[in-house]
Amino acid sequence: MINAALNHLAGQLNQQFKNNFQLVEDIVVVSNLVELDGSTAAGANNKLVLTLVNIEKDSLPYRAGTQGQVMDERQMLRSPPLFLNLYLMMSANFGAGNYAEALKTISQAISFFQQQAVFDRHNSPGLDKRIEKLILELENLKIPDLNNLWSLMGGRYLPSVLYKLRMITVDSSAVIGQVPMITDPRTSVSS
């Protein structure tokens, strides 16, 4: 599910870049910037890189969860959906000779997400069936927090922006129990 959301956003951005700049190759990738051994991630050079930097449970309910469906006079209980906030770092990973290209690329991406901050089935028909809606919000980071984040990621600062991606719904639809339904108030449980 998380992979589908990030890949969808990368696909939307790639399409935007191809339409506006007549590019043939994808310029946006979902990747780490740095491998565990400290080397540069393969396929991330001269790219706009989307990196997942945090996952948190969203405690604000956006919709009432379905408690279950009725089958054979029993209500099937299902676990409530889980709403997640994903924090995405979008980094322009271009070499020193391409710094102007890095700034142009990240500016275009920010502009695109400003114009279209919500992705749902109406404006984005390729959205994974398990995802109801994606909402992007630009997050502000103070310089010390930005420094800490880049230190954790193991890289050197690149032109970047942090987004909060809301409303990722993880709904397993697994039945966790059954409860008998009372259909006639005059009928007792023992009869």
N, C-alpha and C. Protein backbone atom coordinates (compact mmCIF):
# COMPACT_ATOMS: atom_id res chain seq x y z
N MET A 1 0.81 -1.19 0.00
CA MET A 1 0.00 0.00 0.00
C MET A 1 0.86 1.27 0.00
N ILE A 2 1.84 1.34 0.87
CA ILE A 2 2.72 2.51 0.94
C ILE A 2 3.50 2.63 -0.36
N ASN A 3 4.00 1.51 -0.84
CA ASN A 3 4.73 1.48 -2.10
C ASN A 3 3.84 1.98 -3.25
N ALA A 4 2.58 1.55 -3.27
CA ALA A 4 1.65 1.96 -4.32
C ALA A 4 1.43 3.47 -4.28
N ALA A 5 1.31 4.04 -3.09
CA ALA A 5 1.08 5.49 -2.96
C ALA A 5 2.29 6.27 -3.47
N LEU A 6 3.48 5.89 -3.05
CA LEU A 6 4.68 6.61 -3.48
C LEU A 6 4.92 6.45 -4.98
N ASN A 7 4.73 5.25 -5.50
CA ASN A 7 4.91 5.03 -6.93
C ASN A 7 3.88 5.80 -7.75
N HIS A 8 2.67 5.94 -7.21
CA HIS A 8 1.64 6.72 -7.91
C HIS A 8 2.07 8.18 -8.02
N LEU A 9 2.55 8.74 -6.92
CA LEU A 9 2.99 10.13 -6.94
C LEU A 9 4.17 10.32 -7.89
N ALA A 10 5.11 9.39 -7.87
CA ALA A 10 6.26 9.47 -8.78
C ALA A 10 5.79 9.40 -10.23
N GLY A 11 4.83 8.52 -10.52
CA GLY A 11 4.29 8.41 -11.86
C GLY A 11 3.60 9.68 -12.32
N GLN A 12 2.84 10.30 -11.42
CA GLN A 12 2.17 11.55 -11.75
C GLN A 12 3.19 12.66 -12.04
N LEU A 13 4.23 12.74 -11.21
CA LEU A 13 5.28 13.74 -11.44
C LEU A 13 6.03 13.47 -12.74
N ASN A 14 6.35 12.21 -13.01
CA ASN A 14 7.04 11.88 -14.25
C ASN A 14 6.22 12.28 -15.47
N GLN A 15 4.92 12.04 -15.41
CA GLN A 15 4.05 12.42 -16.52
C GLN A 15 4.05 13.93 -16.71
N GLN A 16 4.03 14.66 -15.60
CA GLN A 16 4.07 16.12 -15.65
C GLN A 16 5.37 16.60 -16.31
N PHE A 17 6.50 16.03 -15.92
CA PHE A 17 7.78 16.42 -16.51
C PHE A 17 7.84 16.06 -17.99
N LYS A 18 7.32 14.91 -18.35
CA LYS A 18 7.32 14.50 -19.77
C LYS A 18 6.46 15.44 -20.60
N ASN A 19 5.31 15.84 -20.07
CA ASN A 19 4.42 16.75 -20.79
C ASN A 19 5.03 18.15 -20.94
N ASN A 20 5.64 18.65 -19.87
CA ASN A 20 6.15 20.04 -19.88
C ASN A 20 7.52 20.20 -20.52
N PHE A 21 8.36 19.16 -20.44
CA PHE A 21 9.74 19.31 -20.90
C PHE A 21 10.12 18.32 -21.99
N GLN A 22 9.13 17.63 -22.55
CA GLN A 22 9.35 16.65 -23.62
C GLN A 22 10.46 15.65 -23.28
N LEU A 23 10.45 15.18 -22.03
CA LEU A 23 11.42 14.18 -21.60
C LEU A 23 10.97 12.80 -22.05
N VAL A 24 11.92 11.93 -22.31
CA VAL A 24 11.63 10.55 -22.67
C VAL A 24 11.82 9.65 -21.45
N GLU A 25 12.86 9.93 -20.69
CA GLU A 25 13.23 9.12 -19.52
C GLU A 25 12.55 9.66 -18.26
N ASP A 26 12.23 8.74 -17.33
CA ASP A 26 11.68 9.17 -16.03
C ASP A 26 12.75 9.92 -15.26
N ILE A 27 12.35 11.03 -14.65
CA ILE A 27 13.28 11.83 -13.86
C ILE A 27 13.01 11.68 -12.36
N VAL A 28 11.82 11.16 -12.00
CA VAL A 28 11.43 10.99 -10.60
C VAL A 28 11.53 9.51 -10.24
N VAL A 29 12.21 9.21 -9.12
CA VAL A 29 12.34 7.83 -8.65
C VAL A 29 11.99 7.77 -7.16
N VAL A 30 11.52 6.61 -6.74
CA VAL A 30 11.29 6.35 -5.32
C VAL A 30 12.51 5.56 -4.86
N SER A 31 13.29 6.15 -3.96
CA SER A 31 14.56 5.53 -3.59
C SER A 31 15.14 6.19 -2.34
N ASN A 32 16.10 5.50 -1.74
CA ASN A 32 16.98 6.14 -0.76
C ASN A 32 17.98 6.98 -1.52
N LEU A 33 18.57 7.94 -0.87
CA LEU A 33 19.66 8.69 -1.49
C LEU A 33 21.00 8.01 -1.26
N VAL A 34 21.11 7.34 -0.11
CA VAL A 34 22.37 6.72 0.30
C VAL A 34 22.09 5.28 0.71
N GLU A 35 22.94 4.36 0.25
CA GLU A 35 22.83 2.96 0.64
C GLU A 35 23.33 2.79 2.08
N LEU A 36 23.07 1.64 2.67
CA LEU A 36 23.49 1.38 4.05
C LEU A 36 25.00 1.48 4.23
N ASP A 37 25.77 1.16 3.19
CA ASP A 37 27.23 1.24 3.29
C ASP A 37 27.77 2.65 3.07
N GLY A 38 26.88 3.63 2.84
CA GLY A 38 27.29 5.01 2.66
C GLY A 38 27.46 5.43 1.21
N SER A 39 27.41 4.50 0.29
CA SER A 39 27.55 4.84 -1.13
C SER A 39 26.26 5.44 -1.66
N THR A 40 26.37 6.13 -2.77
CA THR A 40 25.20 6.73 -3.41
C THR A 40 24.28 5.63 -3.92
N ALA A 41 22.99 5.79 -3.74
CA ALA A 41 22.02 4.80 -4.20
C ALA A 41 22.04 4.72 -5.72
N ALA A 42 22.04 3.49 -6.22
CA ALA A 42 22.03 3.27 -7.67
C ALA A 42 20.72 3.81 -8.25
N GLY A 43 20.82 4.48 -9.36
CA GLY A 43 19.64 5.00 -10.04
C GLY A 43 19.10 6.30 -9.48
N ALA A 44 19.80 6.90 -8.51
CA ALA A 44 19.32 8.14 -7.91
C ALA A 44 20.07 9.38 -8.39
N ASN A 45 21.12 9.18 -9.20
CA ASN A 45 21.89 10.33 -9.70
C ASN A 45 21.11 11.06 -10.78
N ASN A 46 21.16 12.39 -10.72
CA ASN A 46 20.47 13.25 -11.67
C ASN A 46 18.98 12.94 -11.73
N LYS A 47 18.40 12.71 -10.57
CA LYS A 47 16.97 12.39 -10.44
C LYS A 47 16.36 13.23 -9.33
N LEU A 48 15.05 13.35 -9.39
CA LEU A 48 14.28 13.89 -8.27
C LEU A 48 13.86 12.66 -7.47
N VAL A 49 14.31 12.58 -6.23
CA VAL A 49 14.16 11.36 -5.44
C VAL A 49 13.09 11.55 -4.36
N LEU A 50 12.10 10.65 -4.35
CA LEU A 50 11.10 10.60 -3.28
C LEU A 50 11.55 9.56 -2.28
N THR A 51 11.72 9.97 -1.02
CA THR A 51 12.19 9.09 0.03
C THR A 51 11.22 9.13 1.20
N LEU A 52 10.80 7.98 1.66
CA LEU A 52 9.95 7.90 2.84
C LEU A 52 10.83 8.11 4.07
N VAL A 53 10.51 9.13 4.89
CA VAL A 53 11.34 9.41 6.06
C VAL A 53 10.63 9.12 7.38
N ASN A 54 9.29 8.95 7.35
CA ASN A 54 8.60 8.60 8.59
C ASN A 54 7.18 8.13 8.27
N ILE A 55 6.67 7.28 9.16
CA ILE A 55 5.29 6.81 9.09
C ILE A 55 4.69 7.03 10.47
N GLU A 56 3.51 7.64 10.52
CA GLU A 56 2.84 7.80 11.80
C GLU A 56 1.36 7.50 11.64
N LYS A 57 0.76 7.05 12.73
CA LYS A 57 -0.68 6.81 12.75
C LYS A 57 -1.38 8.15 12.85
N ASP A 58 -2.38 8.33 12.01
CA ASP A 58 -3.19 9.54 12.07
C ASP A 58 -4.31 9.29 13.05
N SER A 59 -4.36 10.05 14.12
CA SER A 59 -5.35 9.82 15.17
C SER A 59 -6.68 10.52 14.90
N LEU A 60 -6.74 11.36 13.89
CA LEU A 60 -7.99 12.04 13.56
C LEU A 60 -8.80 11.17 12.62
N PRO A 61 -10.02 10.81 13.01
CA PRO A 61 -10.83 9.98 12.12
C PRO A 61 -11.39 10.82 10.97
N TYR A 62 -11.25 10.30 9.76
CA TYR A 62 -11.76 11.01 8.59
C TYR A 62 -13.12 10.48 8.14
N ARG A 63 -13.40 9.25 8.47
CA ARG A 63 -14.69 8.67 8.13
C ARG A 63 -14.97 7.56 9.13
N ALA A 64 -16.24 7.30 9.30
CA ALA A 64 -16.61 6.22 10.22
C ALA A 64 -16.26 4.90 9.56
N GLY A 65 -15.63 4.02 10.29
CA GLY A 65 -15.28 2.70 9.77
C GLY A 65 -16.51 1.81 9.72
N THR A 66 -16.50 0.91 8.77
CA THR A 66 -17.61 -0.03 8.69
C THR A 66 -17.40 -1.09 9.76
N GLN A 67 -18.41 -1.26 10.58
CA GLN A 67 -18.31 -2.22 11.67
C GLN A 67 -18.41 -3.65 11.16
N GLY A 68 -19.13 -3.85 10.09
CA GLY A 68 -19.24 -5.20 9.58
C GLY A 68 -20.46 -5.34 8.70
N GLN A 69 -20.61 -6.51 8.15
CA GLN A 69 -21.76 -6.76 7.32
C GLN A 69 -22.55 -7.91 7.94
N VAL A 70 -23.81 -7.97 7.59
CA VAL A 70 -24.69 -8.99 8.15
C VAL A 70 -24.71 -10.20 7.21
N MET A 71 -24.46 -11.36 7.78
CA MET A 71 -24.54 -12.62 7.03
C MET A 71 -25.18 -13.66 7.94
N ASP A 72 -26.21 -14.34 7.45
CA ASP A 72 -26.87 -15.41 8.21
C ASP A 72 -27.24 -14.96 9.61
N GLU A 73 -27.85 -13.80 9.72
CA GLU A 73 -28.29 -13.22 10.99
C GLU A 73 -27.15 -13.04 11.99
N ARG A 74 -25.95 -12.87 11.49
CA ARG A 74 -24.79 -12.56 12.33
C ARG A 74 -24.07 -11.37 11.70
N GLN A 75 -23.57 -10.52 12.55
CA GLN A 75 -22.81 -9.39 12.06
C GLN A 75 -21.33 -9.75 12.13
N MET A 76 -20.65 -9.60 11.00
CA MET A 76 -19.22 -9.87 10.94
C MET A 76 -18.48 -8.62 11.40
N LEU A 77 -17.68 -8.76 12.43
CA LEU A 77 -16.90 -7.63 12.94
C LEU A 77 -15.57 -7.56 12.21
N ARG A 78 -15.22 -6.37 11.79
CA ARG A 78 -13.96 -6.15 11.09
C ARG A 78 -13.14 -5.13 11.85
N SER A 79 -11.84 -5.24 11.74
CA SER A 79 -11.00 -4.25 12.40
C SER A 79 -11.18 -2.91 11.67
N PRO A 80 -11.12 -1.82 12.41
CA PRO A 80 -11.31 -0.51 11.78
C PRO A 80 -10.13 -0.19 10.86
N PRO A 81 -10.36 0.64 9.83
CA PRO A 81 -9.26 1.01 8.94
C PRO A 81 -8.21 1.82 9.70
N LEU A 82 -6.99 1.76 9.22
CA LEU A 82 -5.87 2.47 9.82
C LEU A 82 -5.50 3.62 8.90
N PHE A 83 -5.49 4.82 9.44
CA PHE A 83 -5.11 6.00 8.68
C PHE A 83 -3.66 6.35 9.04
N LEU A 84 -2.84 6.50 8.02
CA LEU A 84 -1.43 6.79 8.22
C LEU A 84 -1.06 8.13 7.60
N ASN A 85 -0.11 8.78 8.21
CA ASN A 85 0.55 9.94 7.62
C ASN A 85 1.95 9.48 7.23
N LEU A 86 2.31 9.73 6.00
CA LEU A 86 3.65 9.41 5.51
C LEU A 86 4.39 10.72 5.30
N TYR A 87 5.62 10.77 5.72
CA TYR A 87 6.44 11.95 5.50
C TYR A 87 7.42 11.63 4.38
N LEU A 88 7.34 12.42 3.32
CA LEU A 88 8.15 12.20 2.13
C LEU A 88 9.13 13.34 1.93
N MET A 89 10.38 13.00 1.74
CA MET A 89 11.39 13.99 1.39
C MET A 89 11.55 13.92 -0.13
N MET A 90 11.41 15.03 -0.79
CA MET A 90 11.62 15.12 -2.22
C MET A 90 12.92 15.89 -2.42
N SER A 91 13.93 15.22 -2.96
CA SER A 91 15.27 15.80 -3.07
C SER A 91 15.72 15.83 -4.53
N ALA A 92 16.29 16.96 -4.94
CA ALA A 92 16.84 17.10 -6.29
C ALA A 92 18.30 16.66 -6.23
N ASN A 93 18.56 15.43 -6.64
CA ASN A 93 19.90 14.82 -6.54
C ASN A 93 20.66 15.00 -7.85
N PHE A 94 21.10 16.23 -8.10
CA PHE A 94 21.84 16.54 -9.31
C PHE A 94 23.24 16.98 -8.90
N GLY A 95 24.24 16.65 -9.71
CA GLY A 95 25.63 17.02 -9.41
C GLY A 95 25.83 18.52 -9.40
N ALA A 96 27.00 18.93 -8.94
CA ALA A 96 27.31 20.36 -8.80
C ALA A 96 27.18 21.11 -10.11
N GLY A 97 27.53 20.49 -11.21
CA GLY A 97 27.41 21.13 -12.52
C GLY A 97 25.98 21.32 -12.97
N ASN A 98 25.04 20.64 -12.30
CA ASN A 98 23.63 20.71 -12.67
C ASN A 98 22.78 21.35 -11.58
N TYR A 99 23.37 22.24 -10.78
CA TYR A 99 22.62 22.83 -9.67
C TYR A 99 21.40 23.61 -10.16
N ALA A 100 21.54 24.33 -11.26
CA ALA A 100 20.40 25.07 -11.81
C ALA A 100 19.29 24.10 -12.23
N GLU A 101 19.66 22.95 -12.77
CA GLU A 101 18.68 21.93 -13.16
C GLU A 101 17.98 21.37 -11.93
N ALA A 102 18.73 21.21 -10.84
CA ALA A 102 18.14 20.73 -9.58
C ALA A 102 17.08 21.70 -9.09
N LEU A 103 17.39 22.98 -9.12
CA LEU A 103 16.44 24.00 -8.67
C LEU A 103 15.21 24.07 -9.58
N LYS A 104 15.43 23.96 -10.88
CA LYS A 104 14.32 23.97 -11.83
C LYS A 104 13.42 22.75 -11.61
N THR A 105 14.02 21.61 -11.39
CA THR A 105 13.25 20.37 -11.22
C THR A 105 12.43 20.40 -9.93
N ILE A 106 13.04 20.80 -8.83
CA ILE A 106 12.29 20.81 -7.56
C ILE A 106 11.22 21.91 -7.59
N SER A 107 11.50 23.02 -8.25
CA SER A 107 10.49 24.08 -8.37
C SER A 107 9.27 23.59 -9.15
N GLN A 108 9.51 22.86 -10.23
CA GLN A 108 8.41 22.33 -11.03
C GLN A 108 7.59 21.32 -10.23
N ALA A 109 8.25 20.48 -9.44
CA ALA A 109 7.55 19.48 -8.63
C ALA A 109 6.71 20.16 -7.55
N ILE A 110 7.25 21.16 -6.89
CA ILE A 110 6.49 21.89 -5.86
C ILE A 110 5.28 22.56 -6.50
N SER A 111 5.48 23.15 -7.65
CA SER A 111 4.38 23.80 -8.37
C SER A 111 3.29 22.79 -8.73
N PHE A 112 3.68 21.61 -9.18
CA PHE A 112 2.70 20.58 -9.53
C PHE A 112 1.89 20.17 -8.31
N PHE A 113 2.55 19.92 -7.18
CA PHE A 113 1.83 19.50 -5.98
C PHE A 113 1.02 20.66 -5.37
N GLN A 114 1.38 21.89 -5.67
CA GLN A 114 0.57 23.02 -5.23
C GLN A 114 -0.72 23.07 -6.05
N GLN A 115 -0.62 22.78 -7.33
CA GLN A 115 -1.80 22.78 -8.20
C GLN A 115 -2.70 21.58 -7.96
N GLN A 116 -2.08 20.45 -7.67
CA GLN A 116 -2.86 19.23 -7.43
C GLN A 116 -2.34 18.58 -6.15
N ALA A 117 -2.94 18.97 -5.03
CA ALA A 117 -2.52 18.45 -3.73
C ALA A 117 -3.35 17.25 -3.30
N VAL A 118 -4.43 16.96 -4.04
CA VAL A 118 -5.31 15.84 -3.70
C VAL A 118 -5.38 14.90 -4.90
N PHE A 119 -5.19 13.62 -4.63
CA PHE A 119 -5.29 12.59 -5.66
C PHE A 119 -6.38 11.63 -5.23
N ASP A 120 -7.39 11.48 -6.08
CA ASP A 120 -8.47 10.53 -5.81
C ASP A 120 -8.85 9.87 -7.13
N ARG A 121 -9.90 9.08 -7.14
CA ARG A 121 -10.30 8.34 -8.34
C ARG A 121 -10.77 9.26 -9.47
N HIS A 122 -11.28 10.45 -9.13
CA HIS A 122 -11.79 11.36 -10.15
C HIS A 122 -10.68 12.02 -10.95
N ASN A 123 -9.63 12.48 -10.27
CA ASN A 123 -8.57 13.17 -10.98
C ASN A 123 -7.35 12.30 -11.24
N SER A 124 -7.38 11.08 -10.72
CA SER A 124 -6.23 10.18 -10.84
C SER A 124 -6.73 8.74 -10.94
N PRO A 125 -7.29 8.36 -12.11
CA PRO A 125 -7.93 7.04 -12.23
C PRO A 125 -7.00 5.85 -12.00
N GLY A 126 -5.70 6.04 -12.11
CA GLY A 126 -4.76 4.94 -11.90
C GLY A 126 -4.44 4.67 -10.44
N LEU A 127 -5.09 5.38 -9.52
CA LEU A 127 -4.84 5.21 -8.09
C LEU A 127 -5.22 3.80 -7.65
N ASP A 128 -4.37 3.18 -6.86
CA ASP A 128 -4.59 1.83 -6.36
C ASP A 128 -5.97 1.73 -5.70
N LYS A 129 -6.68 0.64 -5.93
CA LYS A 129 -8.04 0.45 -5.41
C LYS A 129 -8.11 0.50 -3.89
N ARG A 130 -7.02 0.14 -3.24
CA ARG A 130 -7.01 0.12 -1.77
C ARG A 130 -6.84 1.51 -1.16
N ILE A 131 -6.53 2.49 -1.98
CA ILE A 131 -6.30 3.86 -1.50
C ILE A 131 -7.49 4.71 -1.89
N GLU A 132 -8.12 5.31 -0.90
CA GLU A 132 -9.28 6.16 -1.15
C GLU A 132 -8.87 7.53 -1.69
N LYS A 133 -7.87 8.13 -1.04
CA LYS A 133 -7.47 9.48 -1.38
C LYS A 133 -6.09 9.76 -0.81
N LEU A 134 -5.31 10.56 -1.51
CA LEU A 134 -4.01 11.03 -1.04
C LEU A 134 -4.03 12.54 -0.98
N ILE A 135 -3.59 13.10 0.13
CA ILE A 135 -3.56 14.55 0.30
C ILE A 135 -2.14 14.95 0.71
N LEU A 136 -1.54 15.83 -0.07
CA LEU A 136 -0.19 16.29 0.20
C LEU A 136 -0.22 17.66 0.87
N GLU A 137 0.57 17.79 1.94
CA GLU A 137 0.72 19.07 2.63
C GLU A 137 2.20 19.36 2.78
N LEU A 138 2.61 20.55 2.38
CA LEU A 138 3.99 20.98 2.53
C LEU A 138 4.28 21.19 4.01
N GLU A 139 5.39 20.63 4.49
CA GLU A 139 5.78 20.76 5.90
C GLU A 139 6.97 21.72 6.01
N ASN A 140 6.94 22.55 7.01
CA ASN A 140 8.06 23.45 7.29
C ASN A 140 8.99 22.80 8.29
N LEU A 141 10.28 22.88 8.03
CA LEU A 141 11.29 22.40 8.96
C LEU A 141 12.22 23.54 9.31
N LYS A 142 12.49 23.69 10.59
CA LYS A 142 13.49 24.65 11.04
C LYS A 142 14.87 24.09 10.67
N ILE A 143 15.85 24.96 10.55
CA ILE A 143 17.20 24.55 10.13
C ILE A 143 17.76 23.43 11.02
N PRO A 144 17.65 23.50 12.37
CA PRO A 144 18.18 22.39 13.19
C PRO A 144 17.47 21.06 12.89
N ASP A 145 16.14 21.11 12.67
CA ASP A 145 15.39 19.89 12.36
C ASP A 145 15.80 19.34 10.99
N LEU A 146 16.01 20.24 10.05
CA LEU A 146 16.46 19.83 8.72
C LEU A 146 17.84 19.19 8.79
N ASN A 147 18.72 19.78 9.59
CA ASN A 147 20.05 19.22 9.79
C ASN A 147 19.96 17.82 10.39
N ASN A 148 19.11 17.66 11.40
CA ASN A 148 18.94 16.34 12.02
C ASN A 148 18.41 15.31 11.03
N LEU A 149 17.44 15.70 10.23
CA LEU A 149 16.87 14.78 9.25
C LEU A 149 17.91 14.35 8.23
N TRP A 150 18.67 15.29 7.70
CA TRP A 150 19.70 14.92 6.73
C TRP A 150 20.79 14.07 7.37
N SER A 151 21.09 14.31 8.63
CA SER A 151 22.07 13.46 9.34
C SER A 151 21.55 12.04 9.48
N LEU A 152 20.27 11.91 9.82
CA LEU A 152 19.67 10.58 9.92
C LEU A 152 19.65 9.84 8.60
N MET A 153 19.44 10.60 7.52
CA MET A 153 19.39 9.98 6.19
C MET A 153 20.78 9.63 5.68
N GLY A 154 21.82 10.13 6.34
CA GLY A 154 23.19 9.78 5.97
C GLY A 154 23.71 10.51 4.75
N GLY A 155 23.09 11.61 4.40
CA GLY A 155 23.52 12.33 3.21
C GLY A 155 23.88 13.75 3.50
N ARG A 156 24.37 14.40 2.47
CA ARG A 156 24.63 15.84 2.53
C ARG A 156 23.43 16.56 1.95
N TYR A 157 23.21 17.76 2.42
CA TYR A 157 22.02 18.49 2.02
C TYR A 157 21.94 18.66 0.50
N LEU A 158 20.74 18.46 0.00
CA LEU A 158 20.39 18.73 -1.39
C LEU A 158 19.15 19.63 -1.39
N PRO A 159 18.90 20.36 -2.47
CA PRO A 159 17.63 21.09 -2.53
C PRO A 159 16.49 20.10 -2.32
N SER A 160 15.68 20.37 -1.32
CA SER A 160 14.67 19.38 -0.94
C SER A 160 13.48 20.05 -0.29
N VAL A 161 12.40 19.28 -0.19
CA VAL A 161 11.19 19.73 0.46
C VAL A 161 10.55 18.52 1.13
N LEU A 162 9.91 18.75 2.27
CA LEU A 162 9.27 17.69 3.03
C LEU A 162 7.76 17.83 2.89
N TYR A 163 7.10 16.72 2.56
CA TYR A 163 5.64 16.68 2.45
C TYR A 163 5.08 15.68 3.44
N LYS A 164 3.90 16.02 3.95
CA LYS A 164 3.11 15.09 4.75
C LYS A 164 2.03 14.55 3.81
N LEU A 165 1.99 13.24 3.66
CA LEU A 165 1.01 12.59 2.80
C LEU A 165 -0.04 11.97 3.70
N ARG A 166 -1.28 12.47 3.61
CA ARG A 166 -2.37 12.04 4.50
C ARG A 166 -3.32 11.08 3.81
N MET A 167 -4.03 10.34 4.69
CA MET A 167 -5.14 9.48 4.31
C MET A 167 -4.75 8.23 3.54
N ILE A 168 -3.67 7.65 3.90
CA ILE A 168 -3.37 6.32 3.41
C ILE A 168 -4.19 5.38 4.27
N THR A 169 -5.07 4.60 3.67
CA THR A 169 -5.94 3.72 4.42
C THR A 169 -5.47 2.28 4.27
N VAL A 170 -5.13 1.69 5.39
CA VAL A 170 -4.78 0.28 5.40
C VAL A 170 -5.96 -0.44 6.02
N ASP A 171 -6.72 -1.12 5.18
CA ASP A 171 -7.93 -1.80 5.63
C ASP A 171 -7.81 -3.25 5.21
N SER A 172 -7.50 -4.11 6.15
CA SER A 172 -7.27 -5.52 5.82
C SER A 172 -8.55 -6.26 5.48
N SER A 173 -9.70 -5.75 5.89
CA SER A 173 -11.00 -6.39 5.69
C SER A 173 -11.08 -7.78 6.31
N ALA A 174 -10.17 -8.08 7.21
CA ALA A 174 -10.20 -9.39 7.87
C ALA A 174 -11.30 -9.40 8.93
N VAL A 175 -12.03 -10.50 8.97
CA VAL A 175 -13.08 -10.66 9.97
C VAL A 175 -12.41 -11.01 11.29
N ILE A 176 -12.74 -10.26 12.35
CA ILE A 176 -12.14 -10.53 13.66
C ILE A 176 -13.13 -11.16 14.63
N GLY A 177 -14.39 -11.30 14.21
CA GLY A 177 -15.37 -11.92 15.09
C GLY A 177 -16.76 -11.88 14.48
N GLN A 178 -17.68 -12.58 15.15
CA GLN A 178 -19.07 -12.60 14.73
C GLN A 178 -19.95 -12.34 15.93
N VAL A 179 -21.01 -11.60 15.73
CA VAL A 179 -21.96 -11.28 16.79
C VAL A 179 -23.34 -11.63 16.28
N PRO A 180 -24.14 -12.40 17.07
CA PRO A 180 -25.50 -12.70 16.62
C PRO A 180 -26.34 -11.44 16.56
N MET A 181 -27.20 -11.37 15.56
CA MET A 181 -28.08 -10.22 15.38
C MET A 181 -29.40 -10.50 16.09
N ILE A 182 -29.95 -9.51 16.75
CA ILE A 182 -31.28 -9.62 17.35
C ILE A 182 -32.25 -8.99 16.37
N THR A 183 -33.09 -9.84 15.78
CA THR A 183 -34.00 -9.35 14.76
C THR A 183 -35.40 -9.12 15.30
N ASP A 184 -35.82 -9.87 16.31
CA ASP A 184 -37.14 -9.72 16.89
C ASP A 184 -36.97 -9.48 18.37
N PRO A 185 -37.36 -8.34 18.89
CA PRO A 185 -37.15 -8.05 20.32
C PRO A 185 -37.88 -9.03 21.23
N ARG A 186 -38.87 -9.76 20.75
CA ARG A 186 -39.59 -10.72 21.58
C ARG A 186 -38.90 -12.07 21.66
N THR A 187 -37.85 -12.27 20.82
CA THR A 187 -37.13 -13.55 20.83
C THR A 187 -36.00 -13.45 21.82
N SER A 188 -35.88 -14.46 22.67
CA SER A 188 -34.79 -14.47 23.65
C SER A 188 -33.59 -15.18 23.04
N VAL A 189 -32.43 -14.93 23.63
CA VAL A 189 -31.19 -15.54 23.15
C VAL A 189 -31.21 -17.05 23.35
N SER A 190 -31.88 -17.54 24.41
CA SER A 190 -31.88 -18.97 24.71
C SER A 190 -32.83 -19.78 23.82
N SER A 191 -33.76 -19.14 23.11
CA SER A 191 -34.71 -19.93 22.32
C SER A 191 -34.24 -20.29 20.97
